[in-house]
C-alpha atoms as a PDB file:
ATOM      1  CA  MET A   1       0.044  -0.025   0.011  1.00  0.00           C
ATOM      2  CA  LYS A   2       1.410   3.440  -0.999  1.00  0.00           C
ATOM      3  CA  VAL A   3       1.157   6.439   1.255  1.00  0.00           C
ATOM      4  CA  ASN A   4       0.958   9.883  -0.251  1.00  0.00           C
ATOM      5  CA  LYS A   5       4.118  11.897   0.756  1.00  0.00           C
ATOM      6  CA  ILE A   6       2.188  15.171   0.748  1.00  0.00           C
ATOM      7  CA  SER A   7      -0.307  13.833   3.244  1.00  0.00           C
ATOM      8  CA  ILE A   8       2.425  12.704   5.681  1.00  0.00           C
ATOM      9  CA  ILE A   9       4.090  16.077   5.449  1.00  0.00           C
ATOM     10  CA  SER A  10       0.860  17.865   6.022  1.00  0.00           C
ATOM     11  CA  ALA A  11       0.035  15.764   9.170  1.00  0.00           C
ATOM     12  CA  THR A  12       3.438  16.398  10.594  1.00  0.00           C
ATOM     13  CA  ILE A  13       3.099  20.118  10.213  1.00  0.00           C
ATOM     14  CA  ILE A  14      -0.307  20.032  12.001  1.00  0.00           C
ATOM     15  CA  VAL A  15       1.112  18.079  14.983  1.00  0.00           C
ATOM     16  CA  LEU A  16       4.144  20.369  15.324  1.00  0.00           C
ATOM     17  CA  SER A  17       1.884  23.423  15.192  1.00  0.00           C
ATOM     18  CA  ALA A  18      -0.352  21.969  17.960  1.00  0.00           C
ATOM     19  CA  VAL A  19       2.697  21.334  20.174  1.00  0.00           C
ATOM     20  CA  SER A  20       4.090  24.848  19.528  1.00  0.00           C
ATOM     21  CA  CYS A  21       0.780  26.387  20.566  1.00  0.00           C
ATOM     22  CA  SER A  22       0.645  24.366  23.750  1.00  0.00           C
ATOM     23  CA  LYS A  23       4.160  25.605  24.819  1.00  0.00           C
ATOM     24  CA  ASN A  24       3.424  29.199  24.150  1.00  0.00           C
ATOM     25  CA  GLU A  25       0.199  29.151  25.952  1.00  0.00           C
ATOM     26  CA  LYS A  26       0.459  30.937  29.390  1.00  0.00           C
ATOM     27  CA  THR A  27      -1.178  29.489  32.438  1.00  0.00           C
ATOM     28  CA  ALA A  28      -2.265  31.962  35.151  1.00  0.00           C
ATOM     29  CA  VAL A  29      -1.524  30.691  38.759  1.00  0.00           C
ATOM     30  CA  VAL A  30      -2.983  32.669  41.686  1.00  0.00           C
ATOM     31  CA  VAL A  31      -0.963  32.270  44.994  1.00  0.00           C
ATOM     32  CA  GLU A  32      -2.739  33.553  48.155  1.00  0.00           C
ATOM     33  CA  GLU A  33      -0.258  35.305  50.595  1.00  0.00           C
ATOM     34  CA  GLN A  34      -0.495  33.898  54.244  1.00  0.00           C
ATOM     35  CA  LEU A  35      -0.263  36.444  57.104  1.00  0.00           C
ATOM     36  CA  PRO A  36       1.867  35.733  60.212  1.00  0.00           C
ATOM     37  CA  VAL A  37      -0.230  34.169  62.958  1.00  0.00           C
ATOM     38  CA  VAL A  38       0.182  35.458  66.525  1.00  0.00           C
ATOM     39  CA  THR A  39      -1.448  35.275  69.965  1.00  0.00           C
ATOM     40  CA  ILE A  40      -2.112  38.327  72.009  1.00  0.00           C
ATOM     41  CA  ASP A  41      -2.736  39.440  75.565  1.00  0.00           C
ATOM     42  CA  VAL A  42      -3.589  42.706  77.248  1.00  0.00           C
ATOM     43  CA  ALA A  43      -1.175  44.919  79.293  1.00  0.00           C
ATOM     44  CA  HIS A  44      -2.584  45.996  82.629  1.00  0.00           C
ATOM     45  CA  GLN A  45      -1.715  48.370  85.488  1.00  0.00           C
ATOM     46  CA  LEU A  46      -0.655  46.879  88.808  1.00  0.00           C
ATOM     47  CA  ASP A  47       0.576  48.186  92.185  1.00  0.00           C
ATOM     48  CA  VAL A  48       4.055  46.556  92.126  1.00  0.00           C
ATOM     49  CA  PRO A  49       6.108  46.191  95.336  1.00  0.00           C
ATOM     50  CA  GLN A  50       9.391  47.976  94.825  1.00  0.00           C
ATOM     51  CA  MET A  51      11.984  45.489  95.906  1.00  0.00           C
ATOM     52  CA  LYS A  52      15.604  46.568  96.184  1.00  0.00           C
ATOM     53  CA  SER A  53      18.488  44.191  96.447  1.00  0.00           C
ATOM     54  CA  PHE A  54      21.991  44.988  97.765  1.00  0.00           C
ATOM     55  CA  ALA A  55      25.163  42.972  97.707  1.00  0.00           C
ATOM     56  CA  ALA A  56      27.249  43.048 100.829  1.00  0.00           C
ATOM     57  CA  THR A  57      29.933  41.095 102.883  1.00  0.00           C
ATOM     58  CA  VAL A  58      29.306  39.819 106.390  1.00  0.00           C
ATOM     59  CA  GLU A  59      31.245  41.444 109.154  1.00  0.00           C
ATOM     60  CA  ALA A  60      31.600  40.553 112.860  1.00  0.00           C
ATOM     61  CA  GLU A  61      29.573  42.609 115.310  1.00  0.00           C
ATOM     62  CA  ASN A  62      32.752  43.737 117.117  1.00  0.00           C
ATOM     63  CA  VAL A  63      36.375  43.297 116.071  1.00  0.00           C
ATOM     64  CA  ASN A  64      39.368  43.457 118.403  1.00  0.00           C
ATOM     65  CA  ASN A  65      42.903  43.582 117.128  1.00  0.00           C
ATOM     66  CA  ILE A  66      45.109  41.968 119.787  1.00  0.00           C
ATOM     67  CA  SER A  67      48.508  43.960 119.876  1.00  0.00           C
ATOM     68  CA  PRO A  68      50.922  45.243 122.478  1.00  0.00           C
ATOM     69  CA  ALA A  69      51.338  49.034 122.946  1.00  0.00           C
ATOM     70  CA  GLN A  70      55.106  48.734 122.056  1.00  0.00           C
ATOM     71  CA  PRO A  71      57.022  46.249 119.866  1.00  0.00           C
ATOM     72  CA  ASN A  72      58.089  43.188 121.690  1.00  0.00           C
ATOM     73  CA  ARG A  73      59.193  39.609 121.059  1.00  0.00           C
ATOM     74  CA  ILE A  74      56.408  36.999 121.205  1.00  0.00           C
ATOM     75  CA  LYS A  75      56.898  34.232 123.759  1.00  0.00           C
ATOM     76  CA  THR A  76      53.728  32.139 123.354  1.00  0.00           C
ATOM     77  CA  ILE A  77      50.493  32.264 121.252  1.00  0.00           C
ATOM     78  CA  ASN A  78      47.876  30.065 122.993  1.00  0.00           C
ATOM     79  CA  VAL A  79      45.188  30.012 120.190  1.00  0.00           C
ATOM     80  CA  ASP A  80      44.958  29.726 116.367  1.00  0.00           C
ATOM     81  CA  ALA A  81      42.617  31.006 113.704  1.00  0.00           C
ATOM     82  CA  GLY A  82      39.124  29.484 114.157  1.00  0.00           C
ATOM     83  CA  ASP A  83      39.396  28.959 117.949  1.00  0.00           C
ATOM     84  CA  ARG A  84      36.623  30.177 120.151  1.00  0.00           C
ATOM     85  CA  VAL A  85      37.799  32.468 122.996  1.00  0.00           C
ATOM     86  CA  SER A  86      36.157  34.043 126.060  1.00  0.00           C
ATOM     87  CA  VAL A  87      36.525  37.326 127.869  1.00  0.00           C
ATOM     88  CA  GLY A  88      39.715  37.524 129.878  1.00  0.00           C
ATOM     89  CA  GLN A  89      41.318  34.465 128.320  1.00  0.00           C
ATOM     90  CA  VAL A  90      45.131  34.689 127.912  1.00  0.00           C
ATOM     91  CA  LEU A  91      45.878  34.668 124.197  1.00  0.00           C
ATOM     92  CA  VAL A  92      49.452  35.922 123.933  1.00  0.00           C
ATOM     93  CA  THR A  93      52.474  36.271 126.269  1.00  0.00           C
ATOM     94  CA  LEU A  94      55.443  38.429 125.345  1.00  0.00           C
ATOM     95  CA  ASP A  95      59.074  38.648 126.522  1.00  0.00           C
ATOM     96  CA  ALA A  96      59.088  39.804 130.152  1.00  0.00           C
ATOM     97  CA  ALA A  97      62.610  41.135 130.338  1.00  0.00           C
ATOM     98  CA  ALA A  98      61.536  44.730 130.219  1.00  0.00           C
ATOM     99  CA  SER A  99      58.736  44.161 132.724  1.00  0.00           C
ATOM    100  CA  ASP A 100      61.209  42.454 135.107  1.00  0.00           C
ATOM    101  CA  GLN A 101      63.370  45.585 135.090  1.00  0.00           C
ATOM    102  CA  LEU A 102      60.338  47.733 135.750  1.00  0.00           C
ATOM    103  CA  ARG A 103      59.340  45.465 138.566  1.00  0.00           C
ATOM    104  CA  ILE A 104      62.801  45.717 140.176  1.00  0.00           C
ATOM    105  CA  ASN A 105      62.676  49.560 139.903  1.00  0.00           C
ATOM    106  CA  LEU A 106      59.183  49.674 141.388  1.00  0.00           C
ATOM    107  CA  GLU A 107      60.209  47.608 144.355  1.00  0.00           C
ATOM    108  CA  GLN A 108      63.261  49.813 144.997  1.00  0.00           C
ATOM    109  CA  ILE A 109      61.133  53.076 144.927  1.00  0.00           C
ATOM    110  CA  GLU A 110      58.599  51.388 147.185  1.00  0.00           C
ATOM    111  CA  ARG A 111      61.313  50.612 149.826  1.00  0.00           C
ATOM    112  CA  GLU A 112      62.607  54.090 149.649  1.00  0.00           C
ATOM    113  CA  TYR A 113      59.135  55.573 150.095  1.00  0.00           C
ATOM    114  CA  LYS A 114      58.460  53.411 153.207  1.00  0.00           C
ATOM    115  CA  ARG A 115      61.884  54.424 154.635  1.00  0.00           C
ATOM    116  CA  ALA A 116      61.095  58.150 154.102  1.00  0.00           C
ATOM    117  CA  CYS A 117      57.733  57.716 155.796  1.00  0.00           C
ATOM    118  CA  GLN A 118      59.424  56.080 158.918  1.00  0.00           C
ATOM    119  CA  LEU A 119      61.987  58.885 159.037  1.00  0.00           C
ATOM    120  CA  LEU A 120      59.245  61.490 158.904  1.00  0.00           C
ATOM    121  CA  GLU A 121      57.424  59.838 161.798  1.00  0.00           C
ATOM    122  CA  ILE A 122      60.537  60.103 164.117  1.00  0.00           C
ATOM    123  CA  GLY A 123      61.402  63.595 162.828  1.00  0.00           C
ATOM    124  CA  GLY A 124      64.389  62.574 160.793  1.00  0.00           C
ATOM    125  CA  GLY A 125      62.967  63.427 157.340  1.00  0.00           C
ATOM    126  CA  THR A 126      60.799  65.998 155.511  1.00  0.00           C
ATOM    127  CA  GLN A 127      57.311  65.913 154.006  1.00  0.00           C
ATOM    128  CA  GLN A 128      58.702  67.140 150.769  1.00  0.00           C
ATOM    129  CA  ALA A 129      60.904  64.056 150.345  1.00  0.00           C
ATOM    130  CA  VAL A 130      57.945  61.760 151.175  1.00  0.00           C
ATOM    131  CA  ASP A 131      55.720  63.579 148.513  1.00  0.00           C
ATOM    132  CA  GLN A 132      58.465  63.253 145.878  1.00  0.00           C
ATOM    133  CA  LEU A 133      58.928  59.559 146.514  1.00  0.00           C
ATOM    134  CA  LYS A 134      55.146  59.076 146.451  1.00  0.00           C
ATOM    135  CA  ALA A 135      54.961  60.647 143.024  1.00  0.00           C
ATOM    136  CA  GLN A 136      57.821  58.501 141.783  1.00  0.00           C
ATOM    137  CA  LEU A 137      56.177  55.442 143.217  1.00  0.00           C
ATOM    138  CA  ASP A 138      52.838  56.148 141.525  1.00  0.00           C
ATOM    139  CA  ALA A 139      54.565  56.696 138.145  1.00  0.00           C
ATOM    140  CA  ALA A 140      56.642  53.530 138.513  1.00  0.00           C
ATOM    141  CA  LYS A 141      53.534  51.464 139.399  1.00  0.00           C
ATOM    142  CA  SER A 142      51.553  52.841 136.409  1.00  0.00           C
ATOM    143  CA  GLN A 143      54.434  52.103 134.058  1.00  0.00           C
ATOM    144  CA  TYR A 144      54.773  48.583 135.464  1.00  0.00           C
ATOM    145  CA  ASP A 145      50.987  47.860 135.271  1.00  0.00           C
ATOM    146  CA  ASN A 146      50.976  49.178 131.689  1.00  0.00           C
ATOM    147  CA  MET A 147      53.901  46.944 130.768  1.00  0.00           C
ATOM    148  CA  MET A 148      52.301  43.902 132.376  1.00  0.00           C
ATOM    149  CA  GLU A 149      49.066  44.567 130.490  1.00  0.00           C
ATOM    150  CA  ASN A 150      51.061  44.581 127.238  1.00  0.00           C
ATOM    151  CA  THR A 151      53.162  41.482 128.155  1.00  0.00           C
ATOM    152  CA  VAL A 152      50.100  39.197 128.768  1.00  0.00           C
ATOM    153  CA  LEU A 153      47.431  39.891 126.090  1.00  0.00           C
ATOM    154  CA  ARG A 154      43.867  38.808 126.938  1.00  0.00           C
ATOM    155  CA  SER A 155      40.651  38.673 125.019  1.00  0.00           C
ATOM    156  CA  PRO A 156      38.370  41.565 125.676  1.00  0.00           C
ATOM    157  CA  ILE A 157      35.294  39.806 124.198  1.00  0.00           C
ATOM    158  CA  ASN A 158      33.684  36.408 123.644  1.00  0.00           C
ATOM    159  CA  GLY A 159      34.279  35.497 120.004  1.00  0.00           C
ATOM    160  CA  LEU A 160      36.253  33.717 117.330  1.00  0.00           C
ATOM    161  CA  VAL A 161      39.879  34.132 116.283  1.00  0.00           C
ATOM    162  CA  THR A 162      39.604  35.345 112.709  1.00  0.00           C
ATOM    163  CA  ALA A 163      43.309  35.951 111.990  1.00  0.00           C
ATOM    164  CA  ARG A 164      46.771  35.077 113.309  1.00  0.00           C
ATOM    165  CA  ASN A 165      49.672  37.080 111.794  1.00  0.00           C
ATOM    166  CA  TYR A 166      52.742  35.919 113.855  1.00  0.00           C
ATOM    167  CA  ASP A 167      54.384  32.885 115.381  1.00  0.00           C
ATOM    168  CA  PRO A 168      56.247  32.532 118.700  1.00  0.00           C
ATOM    169  CA  GLY A 169      59.670  34.109 118.484  1.00  0.00           C
ATOM    170  CA  ASP A 170      58.560  36.888 116.110  1.00  0.00           C
ATOM    171  CA  MET A 171      58.811  40.540 116.911  1.00  0.00           C
ATOM    172  CA  THR A 172      55.471  42.310 116.873  1.00  0.00           C
ATOM    173  CA  GLY A 173      55.031  44.876 114.089  1.00  0.00           C
ATOM    174  CA  SER A 174      52.387  46.889 112.302  1.00  0.00           C
ATOM    175  CA  LEU A 175      49.902  43.984 112.113  1.00  0.00           C
ATOM    176  CA  PRO A 176      47.968  42.745 115.147  1.00  0.00           C
ATOM    177  CA  VAL A 177      49.173  39.387 116.557  1.00  0.00           C
ATOM    178  CA  LEU A 178      45.504  38.133 116.603  1.00  0.00           C
ATOM    179  CA  THR A 179      42.178  39.381 115.451  1.00  0.00           C
ATOM    180  CA  VAL A 180      39.058  38.372 117.461  1.00  0.00           C
ATOM    181  CA  GLY A 181      35.547  38.814 116.065  1.00  0.00           C
ATOM    182  CA  GLN A 182      32.314  38.627 118.022  1.00  0.00           C
ATOM    183  CA  LEU A 183      29.843  36.529 115.978  1.00  0.00           C
ATOM    184  CA  SER A 184      27.057  36.071 118.463  1.00  0.00           C
ATOM    185  CA  PRO A 185      24.312  36.957 119.098  1.00  0.00           C
ATOM    186  CA  VAL A 186      24.359  39.030 115.780  1.00  0.00           C
ATOM    187  CA  VAL A 187      26.566  39.770 112.883  1.00  0.00           C
ATOM    188  CA  LYS A 188      26.246  42.743 110.518  1.00  0.00           C
ATOM    189  CA  VAL A 189      26.441  43.726 106.838  1.00  0.00           C
ATOM    190  CA  MET A 190      26.928  47.227 105.372  1.00  0.00           C
ATOM    191  CA  ILE A 191      24.932  48.163 102.281  1.00  0.00           C
ATOM    192  CA  ASN A 192      25.208  51.264 100.148  1.00  0.00           C
ATOM    193  CA  VAL A 193      21.773  52.922  99.488  1.00  0.00           C
ATOM    194  CA  ASN A 194      21.216  55.534  96.740  1.00  0.00           C
ATOM    195  CA  GLU A 195      20.343  58.922  98.093  1.00  0.00           C
ATOM    196  CA  SER A 196      17.037  58.830  96.251  1.00  0.00           C
ATOM    197  CA  ASP A 197      15.974  55.792  98.319  1.00  0.00           C
ATOM    198  CA  LEU A 198      17.224  57.064 101.668  1.00  0.00           C
ATOM    199  CA  SER A 199      13.914  58.609 102.508  1.00  0.00           C
ATOM    200  CA  LYS A 200      12.270  55.134 102.230  1.00  0.00           C
ATOM    201  CA  ILE A 201      14.714  53.631 104.674  1.00  0.00           C
ATOM    202  CA  HIS A 202      14.088  53.800 108.350  1.00  0.00           C
ATOM    203  CA  HIS A 203      15.602  52.375 111.572  1.00  0.00           C
ATOM    204  CA  GLY A 204      14.125  48.991 112.525  1.00  0.00           C
ATOM    205  CA  MET A 205      13.013  48.105 109.014  1.00  0.00           C
ATOM    206  CA  ASP A 206      12.754  44.403 108.287  1.00  0.00           C
ATOM    207  CA  VAL A 207      14.942  43.035 105.464  1.00  0.00           C
ATOM    208  CA  GLU A 208      15.578  39.520 104.020  1.00  0.00           C
ATOM    209  CA  VAL A 209      19.078  38.127 103.624  1.00  0.00           C
ATOM    210  CA  GLU A 210      20.423  35.277 101.507  1.00  0.00           C
ATOM    211  CA  PHE A 211      23.911  33.738 101.480  1.00  0.00           C
ATOM    212  CA  ASP A 212      25.602  31.970  98.634  1.00  0.00           C
ATOM    213  CA  ALA A 213      26.993  29.555 101.212  1.00  0.00           C
ATOM    214  CA  TYR A 214      23.470  28.478 102.235  1.00  0.00           C
ATOM    215  CA  PRO A 215      21.381  28.408  99.003  1.00  0.00           C
ATOM    216  CA  GLY A 216      17.594  28.256  99.504  1.00  0.00           C
ATOM    217  CA  GLU A 217      17.828  29.592 103.087  1.00  0.00           C
ATOM    218  CA  ASN A 218      16.439  32.988 103.963  1.00  0.00           C
ATOM    219  CA  TYR A 219      17.450  34.964 107.079  1.00  0.00           C
ATOM    220  CA  ASN A 220      15.734  37.910 108.733  1.00  0.00           C
ATOM    221  CA  GLY A 221      17.559  41.122 109.417  1.00  0.00           C
ATOM    222  CA  LYS A 222      16.932  44.650 110.631  1.00  0.00           C
ATOM    223  CA  ILE A 223      18.248  48.055 109.672  1.00  0.00           C
ATOM    224  CA  ARG A 224      20.114  49.248 112.810  1.00  0.00           C
ATOM    225  CA  ARG A 225      21.940  52.308 111.727  1.00  0.00           C
ATOM    226  CA  ILE A 226      21.749  54.775 108.866  1.00  0.00           C
ATOM    227  CA  TYR A 227      24.884  56.855 108.419  1.00  0.00           C
ATOM    228  CA  PRO A 228      24.070  60.543 107.722  1.00  0.00           C
ATOM    229  CA  ALA A 229      26.866  61.307 105.228  1.00  0.00           C
ATOM    230  CA  VAL A 230      26.365  60.707 101.477  1.00  0.00           C
ATOM    231  CA  ASP A 231      29.488  59.715  99.388  1.00  0.00           C
ATOM    232  CA  ALA A 232      29.805  62.518  96.829  1.00  0.00           C
ATOM    233  CA  SER A 233      31.379  60.141  94.250  1.00  0.00           C
ATOM    234  CA  THR A 234      28.766  57.369  94.390  1.00  0.00           C
ATOM    235  CA  ARG A 235      25.793  59.285  95.791  1.00  0.00           C
ATOM    236  CA  THR A 236      25.119  56.548  98.284  1.00  0.00           C
ATOM    237  CA  SER A 237      25.010  56.302 102.038  1.00  0.00           C
ATOM    238  CA  GLU A 238      26.092  53.414 104.266  1.00  0.00           C
ATOM    239  CA  VAL A 239      23.319  51.544 106.025  1.00  0.00           C
ATOM    240  CA  GLU A 240      24.096  48.892 108.675  1.00  0.00           C
ATOM    241  CA  VAL A 241      21.933  45.728 108.758  1.00  0.00           C
ATOM    242  CA  SER A 242      21.921  43.411 111.864  1.00  0.00           C
ATOM    243  CA  ILE A 243      21.406  39.663 111.440  1.00  0.00           C
ATOM    244  CA  ALA A 244      20.672  37.176 114.244  1.00  0.00           C
ATOM    245  CA  ASN A 245      23.419  34.589 114.519  1.00  0.00           C
ATOM    246  CA  PRO A 246      22.949  32.681 117.778  1.00  0.00           C
ATOM    247  CA  ASN A 247      24.663  29.576 116.468  1.00  0.00           C
ATOM    248  CA  GLU A 248      27.475  31.433 114.799  1.00  0.00           C
ATOM    249  CA  LYS A 249      26.601  29.776 111.444  1.00  0.00           C
ATOM    250  CA  ILE A 250      27.106  33.017 109.555  1.00  0.00           C
ATOM    251  CA  LYS A 251      30.775  33.766 109.201  1.00  0.00           C
ATOM    252  CA  PRO A 252      32.635  36.983 108.481  1.00  0.00           C
ATOM    253  CA  GLY A 253      33.595  37.393 104.826  1.00  0.00           C
ATOM    254  CA  MET A 254      30.505  35.478 103.506  1.00  0.00           C
ATOM    255  CA  PHE A 255      28.766  37.086 100.471  1.00  0.00           C
ATOM    256  CA  ALA A 256      25.238  38.284 101.282  1.00  0.00           C
ATOM    257  CA  ARG A 257      22.288  39.626  99.374  1.00  0.00           C
ATOM    258  CA  VAL A 258      19.969  41.990 101.291  1.00  0.00           C
ATOM    259  CA  SER A 259      16.459  42.595  99.987  1.00  0.00           C
ATOM    260  CA  THR A 260      13.900  45.058 101.187  1.00  0.00           C
ATOM    261  CA  LYS A 261      10.573  46.570 100.126  1.00  0.00           C
ATOM    262  CA  LEU A 262      10.624  50.273  99.450  1.00  0.00           C
ATOM    263  CA  GLY A 263       6.858  50.855  99.063  1.00  0.00           C
ATOM    264  CA  GLU A 264       4.699  50.216  95.980  1.00  0.00           C
ATOM    265  CA  GLN A 265       4.420  51.874  92.500  1.00  0.00           C
ATOM    266  CA  SER A 266       1.651  51.614  89.898  1.00  0.00           C
ATOM    267  CA  ASN A 267       3.229  50.284  86.607  1.00  0.00           C
ATOM    268  CA  VAL A 268       2.201  48.375  83.504  1.00  0.00           C
ATOM    269  CA  VAL A 269       2.748  44.583  83.619  1.00  0.00           C
ATOM    270  CA  VAL A 270       2.954  42.302  80.587  1.00  0.00           C
ATOM    271  CA  PRO A 271       3.511  38.555  80.233  1.00  0.00           C
ATOM    272  CA  ASP A 272       7.254  37.804  80.057  1.00  0.00           C
ATOM    273  CA  ARG A 273       6.692  36.177  76.587  1.00  0.00           C
ATOM    274  CA  ALA A 274       5.796  39.503  75.156  1.00  0.00           C
ATOM    275  CA  VAL A 275       9.267  40.940  75.775  1.00  0.00           C
ATOM    276  CA  VAL A 276      11.679  40.565  72.815  1.00  0.00           C
ATOM    277  CA  LYS A 277      15.382  41.307  72.971  1.00  0.00           C
ATOM    278  CA  GLN A 278      16.918  42.964  69.954  1.00  0.00           C
ATOM    279  CA  THR A 279      19.789  41.009  68.459  1.00  0.00           C
ATOM    280  CA  GLY A 280      23.214  42.681  68.950  1.00  0.00           C
ATOM    281  CA  SER A 281      21.989  45.135  71.673  1.00  0.00           C
ATOM    282  CA  GLY A 282      20.617  45.087  75.125  1.00  0.00           C
ATOM    283  CA  ASN A 283      17.407  46.788  74.043  1.00  0.00           C
ATOM    284  CA  LYS A 284      13.992  45.248  74.768  1.00  0.00           C
ATOM    285  CA  TYR A 285      10.904  45.524  72.651  1.00  0.00           C
ATOM    286  CA  VAL A 286       7.231  44.596  72.690  1.00  0.00           C
ATOM    287  CA  TYR A 287       4.957  44.271  69.670  1.00  0.00           C
ATOM    288  CA  VAL A 288       1.717  46.165  70.188  1.00  0.00           C
ATOM    289  CA  TYR A 289      -1.261  45.087  68.087  1.00  0.00           C
ATOM    290  CA  SER A 290      -3.838  47.598  66.716  1.00  0.00           C
ATOM    291  CA  ASN A 291      -6.234  47.484  63.688  1.00  0.00           C
ATOM    292  CA  GLY A 292      -4.684  44.385  62.131  1.00  0.00           C
ATOM    293  CA  LYS A 293      -1.073  45.535  62.403  1.00  0.00           C
ATOM    294  CA  VAL A 294       1.802  45.378  64.940  1.00  0.00           C
ATOM    295  CA  ASN A 295       4.144  48.156  66.041  1.00  0.00           C
ATOM    296  CA  PHE A 296       7.612  47.640  67.524  1.00  0.00           C
ATOM    297  CA  ASN A 297       7.732  49.469  70.880  1.00  0.00           C
ATOM    298  CA  LYS A 298      10.987  49.858  72.843  1.00  0.00           C
ATOM    299  CA  VAL A 299      10.347  49.265  76.602  1.00  0.00           C
ATOM    300  CA  GLU A 300      12.255  49.759  79.817  1.00  0.00           C
ATOM    301  CA  LEU A 301      12.046  46.726  82.133  1.00  0.00           C
ATOM    302  CA  GLY A 302      11.453  46.850  85.865  1.00  0.00           C
ATOM    303  CA  GLN A 303      11.224  43.811  88.002  1.00  0.00           C
ATOM    304  CA  ARG A 304      10.435  40.266  86.993  1.00  0.00           C
ATOM    305  CA  LEU A 305       7.229  39.035  88.581  1.00  0.00           C
ATOM    306  CA  ASP A 306       7.047  35.270  88.161  1.00  0.00           C
ATOM    307  CA  ASN A 307       5.896  34.849  84.597  1.00  0.00           C
ATOM    308  CA  ALA A 308       5.513  38.683  83.889  1.00  0.00           C
ATOM    309  CA  TYR A 309       7.550  41.807  83.661  1.00  0.00           C
ATOM    310  CA  GLU A 310       6.964  45.246  85.204  1.00  0.00           C
ATOM    311  CA  LEU A 311       7.498  47.927  82.523  1.00  0.00           C
ATOM    312  CA  LEU A 312       8.722  51.339  83.437  1.00  0.00           C
ATOM    313  CA  SER A 313       8.021  52.863  79.976  1.00  0.00           C
ATOM    314  CA  GLY A 314       6.984  51.998  76.412  1.00  0.00           C
ATOM    315  CA  ILE A 315       3.533  50.490  76.921  1.00  0.00           C
ATOM    316  CA  ASN A 316       0.210  51.821  78.155  1.00  0.00           C
ATOM    317  CA  ASP A 317      -2.367  50.254  80.301  1.00  0.00           C
ATOM    318  CA  GLY A 318      -4.856  48.298  78.103  1.00  0.00           C
ATOM    319  CA  ASP A 319      -2.522  47.940  75.039  1.00  0.00           C
ATOM    320  CA  THR A 320      -2.803  44.673  73.227  1.00  0.00           C
ATOM    321  CA  VAL A 321       0.516  42.962  73.045  1.00  0.00           C
ATOM    322  CA  VAL A 322       1.829  40.007  71.046  1.00  0.00           C
ATOM    323  CA  ILE A 323       2.935  37.067  73.194  1.00  0.00           C
ATOM    324  CA  THR A 324       3.836  34.353  70.557  1.00  0.00           C
ATOM    325  CA  GLY A 325       4.893  34.410  66.801  1.00  0.00           C
ATOM    326  CA  GLN A 326       7.256  37.411  67.040  1.00  0.00           C
ATOM    327  CA  THR A 327       9.979  35.700  65.035  1.00  0.00           C
ATOM    328  CA  ARG A 328       8.145  36.394  61.709  1.00  0.00           C
ATOM    329  CA  LEU A 329       7.165  39.949  62.507  1.00  0.00           C
ATOM    330  CA  ALA A 330       8.479  43.347  61.516  1.00  0.00           C
ATOM    331  CA  ASP A 331       7.451  46.889  62.455  1.00  0.00           C
ATOM    332  CA  GLY A 332       4.090  47.666  60.760  1.00  0.00           C
ATOM    333  CA  ALA A 333       3.423  44.080  59.598  1.00  0.00           C
ATOM    334  CA  GLN A 334      -0.169  42.877  59.199  1.00  0.00           C
ATOM    335  CA  VAL A 335      -0.984  39.754  61.231  1.00  0.00           C
ATOM    336  CA  GLU A 336      -3.666  37.213  61.841  1.00  0.00           C
ATOM    337  CA  ILE A 337      -4.879  36.733  65.440  1.00  0.00           C
ATOM    338  CA  LEU A 338      -5.127  33.125  66.603  1.00  0.00           C
ATOM    339  CA  ASN A 339      -6.786  33.744  69.950  1.00  0.00           C
ATOM    340  CA  ARG A 340      -9.131  36.581  69.149  1.00  0.00           C
END
């Protein structure tokens, strides 16, 4: 069977034309843009307790530096750092050579004084000689008593030896031989309070104290003394806090955090999830929703309150704030509300 060549060519042209038309034909595809989905909450005004926290170091209630009045060689030291001592306990004895000489001199003057008194009684002396020897005797006795007081060093308080700076055989110098601190019934910490807060501090105010050495334990304290001077360089004043320490558990040198309430202040509060930190800076922001859009508002944080933040500026009472979905947002973006 023979096929007409013209017919085959014609059919081929028709097929190619159909394919060409199908390739050039444009198909319209409509893509619907999806808005970011967020959840919202409402900022509200609250009376927020104004809590202030201060870092401090524990100090003994009283501190005594045990030193002689004059340099001398140490003979014995009867205690060491960490030992508990009582009032009047002998802590250190020093070389008694000087005191021995003073004792001999005192005894000599005392004999001469007694002899002068006897001569005066029998008419063989003068009152002036007796008076002169009495003055010498009093001076020698005072000098001897002072030397004895500085040869045998006793503790003036009940407390704990917190430092020992010498060993037997050393000459005393600028440092005390021992330091004794009184740790019971109370210890103290000194905090620096800004001058703007001084009017809110008063004698006897209760405070709460925490120690890194005892995590999870809270101790009660009281403000005992407010120093009147304000440091011109820091604009702060020293305030002394007293803490009960009957078992001497709190030691000098421990790090302490003192917290106290300085009244209340009405501020806006938002959920903590609403606060966004700007990358590369310490600035904090909150997205505020209004009429289908969000605005990027810079805020100043106050205190953290469980799962919320106190805001000092940037948001008004009743503002609608975004609490989830912020990663896809930009200032002025339109959004879809999930929990309307």
